[in-house]
Amino acid sequence: MQPGQFAPRGEDYLIRRLQELEARVARNEAANVFGLTGIKPKDGGTDLDGFVNINGPLSVNGDAEINGPIEVNGDSTFNGAMSITGALNLPAGIIGNDALTNPLSPQTAHADVANFALATGANAEMVRATVTVPAGYTQALVMASASMGNRNPTGAVDDMYIDCRINGVVSGWSSQTSVMAGKEGFVINVGTALLAGLSGSFYIAANASSGTAAWAANGAAAINVDAIIMFLR
């Protein structure tokens, strides 16, 4: 061999080279390149035994099952139906949606009138209480009463009538009582209603009349309208 010439590699060089490559391939096939991350590739899927930090969007287009704790520290939006079959514990005051924090809005209403005259015929409106609908509510469950005390100023026994109207509707028959001439009587009528599609305001009124003769105004004549209102969303 002359100076500067390469040393011969021997006749088995290619065989040894192939054996070395085969060994490397075998080692790579046996090695789990994701071992330190907790990721275990499997036929048809992947097992993840560690944590995951996702710094960008995550889209899940199929079913997802989570069998352990999950913590979400950012905003979340659910655009589909969500069912919670276990206990849901929420710290007080964290829900800002009015429909959850204030699903109901209770109110009362009152109006009255005194020293009035009564006419015969159909009941006529004597007084009304106007109720303002709170913002965000569209329904109201109402229980109301209209009561009247009056003196019969005529010279014979006569009847007086009253009904309670919720937004113009009477729940049933008007109430009636007979009053002796020159005497005082009392009558009350109660109504209930579930109002829907509300906005602005509605009213509760007392409508009254006398029976045979008109009754002149007098100091004993008084009507009260009272109501309990539960507003619903």
Protein backbone atom coordinates (compact mmCIF):
# COMPACT_ATOMS: atom_id res chain seq x y z
CA MET A 1 0.00 0.00 0.00
CA GLN A 2 1.43 3.32 -1.08
CA PRO A 3 1.48 6.44 1.15
CA GLY A 4 -1.81 8.38 0.82
CA GLN A 5 -3.85 5.35 -0.12
CA PHE A 6 -7.03 4.43 1.88
CA ALA A 7 -6.89 1.33 3.99
CA PRO A 8 -9.04 -1.42 2.52
CA ARG A 9 -12.31 -1.97 4.39
CA GLY A 10 -12.33 -5.65 4.03
CA GLU A 11 -14.61 -7.95 2.14
CA ASP A 12 -17.22 -8.03 4.95
CA TYR A 13 -17.64 -4.25 5.15
CA LEU A 14 -21.03 -4.14 3.42
CA ILE A 15 -22.30 -7.02 5.52
CA ARG A 16 -21.24 -5.28 8.73
CA ARG A 17 -22.76 -2.02 7.53
CA LEU A 18 -26.12 -3.67 6.81
CA GLN A 19 -26.09 -5.39 10.19
CA GLU A 20 -25.47 -2.06 11.91
CA LEU A 21 -28.36 -0.41 10.06
CA GLU A 22 -30.65 -3.33 10.93
CA ALA A 23 -29.72 -2.94 14.60
CA ARG A 24 -30.52 0.77 14.51
CA VAL A 25 -33.90 0.12 12.88
CA ALA A 26 -34.70 -2.50 15.52
CA ARG A 27 -33.78 -0.12 18.33
CA ASN A 28 -35.95 2.65 16.85
CA GLU A 29 -38.89 0.30 16.43
CA ALA A 30 -38.64 -0.80 20.06
CA ALA A 31 -38.16 2.67 21.47
CA ASN A 32 -41.15 4.84 22.58
CA VAL A 33 -40.18 8.26 21.29
CA PHE A 34 -43.02 9.79 23.36
CA GLY A 35 -42.05 8.03 26.58
CA LEU A 36 -41.12 11.15 28.54
CA THR A 37 -44.35 12.93 27.52
CA GLY A 38 -46.72 10.23 28.72
CA ILE A 39 -48.02 9.67 25.21
CA LYS A 40 -48.43 6.04 24.21
CA PRO A 41 -49.38 5.47 20.58
CA LYS A 42 -51.66 2.47 20.16
CA ASP A 43 -53.44 0.79 17.36
CA GLY A 44 -56.37 3.09 16.53
CA GLY A 45 -55.70 5.60 19.32
CA THR A 46 -53.40 7.19 21.86
CA ASP A 47 -53.06 7.02 25.65
CA LEU A 48 -52.00 10.18 27.48
CA ASP A 49 -50.78 9.72 31.05
CA GLY A 50 -49.50 13.23 31.71
CA PHE A 51 -50.77 16.81 31.50
CA VAL A 52 -51.48 18.78 28.34
CA ASN A 53 -51.04 22.50 27.76
CA ILE A 54 -53.01 23.74 24.76
CA ASN A 55 -51.99 27.25 23.79
CA GLY A 56 -54.24 27.50 20.78
CA PRO A 57 -57.75 26.49 19.70
CA LEU A 58 -58.92 22.95 20.39
CA SER A 59 -61.62 21.38 18.24
CA VAL A 60 -63.27 18.13 19.31
CA ASN A 61 -65.56 16.79 16.59
CA GLY A 62 -66.55 13.58 18.33
CA ASP A 63 -67.60 12.38 21.74
CA ALA A 64 -65.33 13.23 24.68
CA GLU A 65 -65.29 11.41 28.01
CA ILE A 66 -63.46 12.82 31.03
CA ASN A 67 -63.20 10.48 34.01
CA GLY A 68 -61.13 12.72 36.25
CA PRO A 69 -61.07 16.31 37.49
CA ILE A 70 -61.05 19.11 34.92
CA GLU A 71 -60.09 22.71 35.61
CA VAL A 72 -60.93 25.55 33.24
CA ASN A 73 -59.35 28.90 34.09
CA GLY A 74 -60.48 30.82 31.03
CA ASP A 75 -63.71 31.70 29.30
CA SER A 76 -65.71 28.79 27.90
CA THR A 77 -68.54 28.75 25.37
CA PHE A 78 -70.88 25.80 24.89
CA ASN A 79 -72.91 26.10 21.70
CA GLY A 80 -74.80 22.85 22.10
CA ALA A 81 -76.86 21.09 24.73
CA MET A 82 -75.07 20.23 27.97
CA SER A 83 -76.33 17.75 30.55
CA ILE A 84 -75.03 17.72 34.13
CA THR A 85 -76.04 14.47 35.82
CA GLY A 86 -74.09 15.00 39.04
CA ALA A 87 -73.96 17.70 41.69
CA LEU A 88 -73.20 21.24 40.52
CA ASN A 89 -71.65 23.41 43.24
CA LEU A 90 -71.23 27.12 42.57
CA PRO A 91 -69.82 29.73 44.94
CA ALA A 92 -72.32 32.38 45.97
CA GLY A 93 -72.53 35.47 43.78
CA ILE A 94 -70.57 34.18 40.78
CA ILE A 95 -73.49 33.94 38.34
CA GLY A 96 -74.09 37.21 36.56
CA ASN A 97 -77.03 36.15 34.41
CA ASP A 98 -80.19 37.85 35.73
CA ALA A 99 -82.30 34.89 34.63
CA LEU A 100 -80.44 32.77 37.20
CA THR A 101 -79.77 35.26 39.96
CA ASN A 102 -83.24 36.86 39.79
CA PRO A 103 -85.65 34.44 38.12
CA LEU A 104 -88.58 35.99 40.01
CA SER A 105 -89.53 39.54 40.94
CA PRO A 106 -92.24 39.85 43.64
CA GLN A 107 -94.35 42.99 43.93
CA THR A 108 -97.54 44.26 45.52
CA ALA A 109 -100.08 46.78 44.27
CA HIS A 110 -102.77 48.90 45.91
CA ALA A 111 -105.30 51.54 44.93
CA ASP A 112 -108.40 52.96 46.63
CA VAL A 113 -111.24 55.38 46.18
CA ALA A 114 -113.83 56.83 48.62
CA ASN A 115 -117.06 58.85 48.75
CA PHE A 116 -118.29 57.82 45.30
CA ALA A 117 -121.69 57.21 43.72
CA LEU A 118 -122.92 53.89 42.31
CA ALA A 119 -124.96 53.53 39.15
CA THR A 120 -127.23 50.65 38.23
CA GLY A 121 -126.59 48.36 35.26
CA ALA A 122 -123.28 46.76 34.30
CA ASN A 123 -120.37 47.13 36.68
CA ALA A 124 -118.37 50.28 35.91
CA GLU A 125 -114.72 50.84 36.71
CA MET A 126 -114.28 52.71 39.96
CA VAL A 127 -110.52 52.54 40.57
CA ARG A 128 -107.45 50.81 39.15
CA ALA A 129 -103.89 50.05 40.24
CA THR A 130 -101.31 50.28 37.45
CA VAL A 131 -98.36 47.90 37.72
CA THR A 132 -95.07 48.52 35.89
CA VAL A 133 -93.42 45.43 34.39
CA PRO A 134 -89.74 45.17 35.44
CA ALA A 135 -87.18 45.03 32.65
CA GLY A 136 -86.39 41.49 31.52
CA TYR A 137 -89.70 39.97 32.68
CA THR A 138 -92.54 38.97 30.35
CA GLN A 139 -94.97 37.05 32.59
CA ALA A 140 -96.80 37.70 35.83
CA LEU A 141 -98.70 35.47 38.24
CA VAL A 142 -101.32 37.70 39.85
CA MET A 143 -103.71 37.27 42.77
CA ALA A 144 -105.87 40.31 43.38
CA SER A 145 -108.91 41.42 45.36
CA ALA A 146 -111.42 44.23 45.08
CA SER A 147 -113.42 45.03 48.22
CA MET A 148 -116.17 47.58 48.85
CA GLY A 149 -117.85 48.95 51.92
CA ASN A 150 -120.89 51.16 51.32
CA ARG A 151 -124.09 52.55 52.85
CA ASN A 152 -127.39 52.07 51.08
CA PRO A 153 -128.71 55.66 50.85
CA THR A 154 -132.03 54.63 49.27
CA GLY A 155 -135.32 54.01 51.03
CA ALA A 156 -135.44 50.24 50.34
CA VAL A 157 -133.24 47.16 50.50
CA ASP A 158 -130.89 47.05 47.50
CA ASP A 159 -127.91 45.12 46.19
CA MET A 160 -124.35 46.24 45.48
CA TYR A 161 -121.95 44.42 43.16
CA ILE A 162 -118.18 44.39 42.64
CA ASP A 163 -115.70 42.49 40.50
CA CYS A 164 -111.90 42.37 40.29
CA ARG A 165 -110.47 42.72 36.78
CA ILE A 166 -106.86 41.83 35.95
CA ASN A 167 -105.84 43.63 32.78
CA GLY A 168 -109.51 43.92 31.89
CA VAL A 169 -110.44 40.27 32.47
CA VAL A 170 -112.73 38.96 35.22
CA SER A 171 -111.85 35.53 36.65
CA GLY A 172 -115.50 34.63 37.26
CA TRP A 173 -118.78 36.09 38.48
CA SER A 174 -118.96 39.42 40.29
CA SER A 175 -119.73 39.38 44.02
CA GLN A 176 -123.04 40.69 45.41
CA THR A 177 -124.52 41.53 48.77
CA SER A 178 -127.91 42.95 49.87
CA VAL A 179 -127.93 46.02 52.11
CA MET A 180 -130.89 47.29 54.13
CA ALA A 181 -132.01 50.88 53.59
CA GLY A 182 -129.75 53.25 55.49
CA LYS A 183 -127.44 50.42 56.55
CA GLU A 184 -123.85 49.58 55.62
CA GLY A 185 -122.62 46.44 53.87
CA PHE A 186 -119.37 44.90 52.67
CA VAL A 187 -118.53 42.81 49.59
CA ILE A 188 -115.29 41.39 48.16
CA ASN A 189 -114.27 39.74 44.90
CA VAL A 190 -110.99 37.87 44.25
CA GLY A 191 -109.33 37.14 40.91
CA THR A 192 -106.23 35.29 39.67
CA ALA A 193 -104.41 35.34 36.34
CA LEU A 194 -101.20 34.28 34.61
CA LEU A 195 -100.31 37.06 32.20
CA ALA A 196 -97.86 36.46 29.35
CA GLY A 197 -96.19 38.60 26.70
CA LEU A 198 -95.99 41.56 29.05
CA SER A 199 -94.15 44.82 28.49
CA GLY A 200 -94.64 48.30 29.86
CA SER A 201 -97.48 47.90 32.37
CA PHE A 202 -100.81 46.28 33.14
CA TYR A 203 -103.62 47.13 35.56
CA ILE A 204 -105.91 45.69 38.22
CA ALA A 205 -109.30 47.35 38.54
CA ALA A 206 -112.42 47.28 40.72
CA ASN A 207 -115.73 47.59 38.86
CA ALA A 208 -118.94 48.12 40.81
CA SER A 209 -122.65 48.90 40.51
CA SER A 210 -125.86 49.04 42.50
CA GLY A 211 -128.95 46.90 41.98
CA THR A 212 -132.33 48.64 41.69
CA ALA A 213 -131.60 52.31 42.30
CA ALA A 214 -128.58 54.55 41.95
CA TRP A 215 -126.67 55.17 45.19
CA ALA A 216 -125.53 58.69 45.93
CA ALA A 217 -121.99 59.34 47.13
CA ASN A 218 -121.59 59.06 50.87
CA GLY A 219 -118.84 58.96 53.47
CA ALA A 220 -119.15 55.20 53.99
CA ALA A 221 -118.40 54.39 50.34
CA ALA A 222 -114.87 52.98 49.95
CA ILE A 223 -113.20 50.54 47.54
CA ASN A 224 -109.75 48.93 47.91
CA VAL A 225 -107.80 47.09 45.23
CA ASP A 226 -104.90 44.93 46.47
CA ALA A 227 -102.70 42.49 44.58
CA ILE A 228 -99.76 40.14 44.97
CA ILE A 229 -97.70 39.88 41.77
CA MET A 230 -94.89 37.47 40.96
CA PHE A 231 -93.07 38.42 37.77
CA LEU A 232 -91.51 35.59 35.72
CA ARG A 233 -89.05 35.68 32.85
